[in-house]
C-alpha atoms as a PDB file:
ATOM      1  CA  MET A   1       6.528 -26.929 -36.236  1.00  0.00           C
ATOM      2  CA  LYS A   2       7.278 -29.574 -38.844  1.00  0.00           C
ATOM      3  CA  GLN A   3       7.267 -32.251 -36.156  1.00  0.00           C
ATOM      4  CA  PHE A   4       3.865 -31.098 -34.919  1.00  0.00           C
ATOM      5  CA  ILE A   5       2.360 -31.199 -38.415  1.00  0.00           C
ATOM      6  CA  SER A   6       3.918 -34.617 -38.991  1.00  0.00           C
ATOM      7  CA  PHE A   7       2.411 -35.853 -35.710  1.00  0.00           C
ATOM      8  CA  ILE A   8      -1.033 -34.568 -36.712  1.00  0.00           C
ATOM      9  CA  LYS A   9      -0.816 -36.235 -40.124  1.00  0.00           C
ATOM     10  CA  ARG A  10       0.262 -39.581 -38.667  1.00  0.00           C
ATOM     11  CA  ASN A  11      -2.417 -39.597 -35.954  1.00  0.00           C
ATOM     12  CA  LEU A  12      -5.299 -37.791 -37.639  1.00  0.00           C
ATOM     13  CA  PHE A  13      -7.612 -40.812 -37.516  1.00  0.00           C
ATOM     14  CA  VAL A  14      -7.137 -41.301 -33.770  1.00  0.00           C
ATOM     15  CA  LEU A  15      -7.426 -37.564 -33.062  1.00  0.00           C
ATOM     16  CA  ILE A  16     -10.761 -37.457 -34.868  1.00  0.00           C
ATOM     17  CA  PHE A  17     -11.992 -40.230 -32.571  1.00  0.00           C
ATOM     18  CA  VAL A  18     -10.658 -38.385 -29.511  1.00  0.00           C
ATOM     19  CA  PHE A  19     -12.502 -35.186 -30.420  1.00  0.00           C
ATOM     20  CA  SER A  20     -15.676 -37.073 -31.262  1.00  0.00           C
ATOM     21  CA  GLY A  21     -15.439 -38.853 -27.891  1.00  0.00           C
ATOM     22  CA  ILE A  22     -15.137 -35.487 -26.143  1.00  0.00           C
ATOM     23  CA  ILE A  23     -18.224 -34.235 -27.960  1.00  0.00           C
ATOM     24  CA  ILE A  24     -20.183 -37.398 -27.145  1.00  0.00           C
ATOM     25  CA  GLY A  25     -19.116 -37.103 -23.488  1.00  0.00           C
ATOM     26  CA  TYR A  26     -20.422 -33.542 -23.386  1.00  0.00           C
ATOM     27  CA  ILE A  27     -23.698 -34.524 -25.027  1.00  0.00           C
ATOM     28  CA  TYR A  28     -24.116 -37.324 -22.483  1.00  0.00           C
ATOM     29  CA  TRP A  29     -23.459 -34.940 -19.583  1.00  0.00           C
ATOM     30  CA  PHE A  30     -25.792 -32.290 -20.984  1.00  0.00           C
ATOM     31  CA  ASN A  31     -28.718 -34.656 -21.573  1.00  0.00           C
ATOM     32  CA  TRP A  32     -28.412 -37.343 -18.908  1.00  0.00           C
ATOM     33  CA  GLY A  33     -25.830 -36.185 -16.377  1.00  0.00           C
ATOM     34  CA  MET A  34     -26.803 -35.792 -12.736  1.00  0.00           C
ATOM     35  CA  TYR A  35     -26.000 -32.337 -11.434  1.00  0.00           C
ATOM     36  CA  TYR A  36     -25.749 -32.978  -7.714  1.00  0.00           C
ATOM     37  CA  GLY A  37     -22.719 -35.256  -7.578  1.00  0.00           C
ATOM     38  CA  THR A  38     -24.479 -38.525  -6.893  1.00  0.00           C
ATOM     39  CA  LEU A  39     -22.391 -40.333  -9.501  1.00  0.00           C
ATOM     40  CA  PRO A  40     -18.790 -39.234 -10.088  1.00  0.00           C
ATOM     41  CA  LEU A  41     -18.930 -40.074 -13.793  1.00  0.00           C
ATOM     42  CA  SER A  42     -21.959 -37.989 -14.641  1.00  0.00           C
ATOM     43  CA  SER A  43     -21.789 -35.126 -12.145  1.00  0.00           C
ATOM     44  CA  GLU A  44     -19.054 -33.053 -13.802  1.00  0.00           C
ATOM     45  CA  CYS A  45     -18.745 -32.032 -17.426  1.00  0.00           C
ATOM     46  CA  TRP A  46     -14.966 -32.284 -17.555  1.00  0.00           C
ATOM     47  CA  VAL A  47     -15.041 -35.868 -16.243  1.00  0.00           C
ATOM     48  CA  ASN A  48     -17.401 -36.989 -19.002  1.00  0.00           C
ATOM     49  CA  CYS A  49     -15.387 -35.163 -21.660  1.00  0.00           C
ATOM     50  CA  THR A  50     -12.137 -36.687 -20.390  1.00  0.00           C
ATOM     51  CA  TYR A  51     -13.519 -40.223 -20.321  1.00  0.00           C
ATOM     52  CA  GLY A  52     -15.086 -39.686 -23.733  1.00  0.00           C
ATOM     53  CA  GLY A  53     -11.750 -38.554 -25.161  1.00  0.00           C
ATOM     54  CA  ILE A  54      -9.890 -41.484 -23.608  1.00  0.00           C
ATOM     55  CA  PHE A  55     -12.370 -44.074 -24.840  1.00  0.00           C
ATOM     56  CA  GLY A  56     -12.578 -42.395 -28.244  1.00  0.00           C
ATOM     57  CA  GLY A  57      -8.797 -42.499 -28.595  1.00  0.00           C
ATOM     58  CA  LEU A  58      -8.740 -46.120 -27.501  1.00  0.00           C
ATOM     59  CA  ALA A  59     -11.411 -47.056 -30.023  1.00  0.00           C
ATOM     60  CA  GLY A  60      -9.665 -45.108 -32.781  1.00  0.00           C
ATOM     61  CA  SER A  61      -6.311 -46.744 -32.101  1.00  0.00           C
ATOM     62  CA  LEU A  62      -7.882 -50.209 -32.006  1.00  0.00           C
ATOM     63  CA  ILE A  63      -9.650 -49.627 -35.317  1.00  0.00           C
ATOM     64  CA  LYS A  64      -6.514 -48.152 -36.901  1.00  0.00           C
ATOM     65  CA  SER A  65      -4.313 -51.063 -35.827  1.00  0.00           C
ATOM     66  CA  SER A  66      -6.636 -53.729 -37.229  1.00  0.00           C
END
């Protein structure tokens, strides 16, 4: 448990960006996503949330390292 709390403390900034990316991905899907599968990125909610989390984590790690 101590290792988990230590991991959270060390990576809190990046995790905040990951969760915000997931939320932004959901908002994008809810407002502008196409429901009939014409585009793979915007047809499924979980795809948008996954890509949002990945790009949010990438952005957070790039900002943290600079």
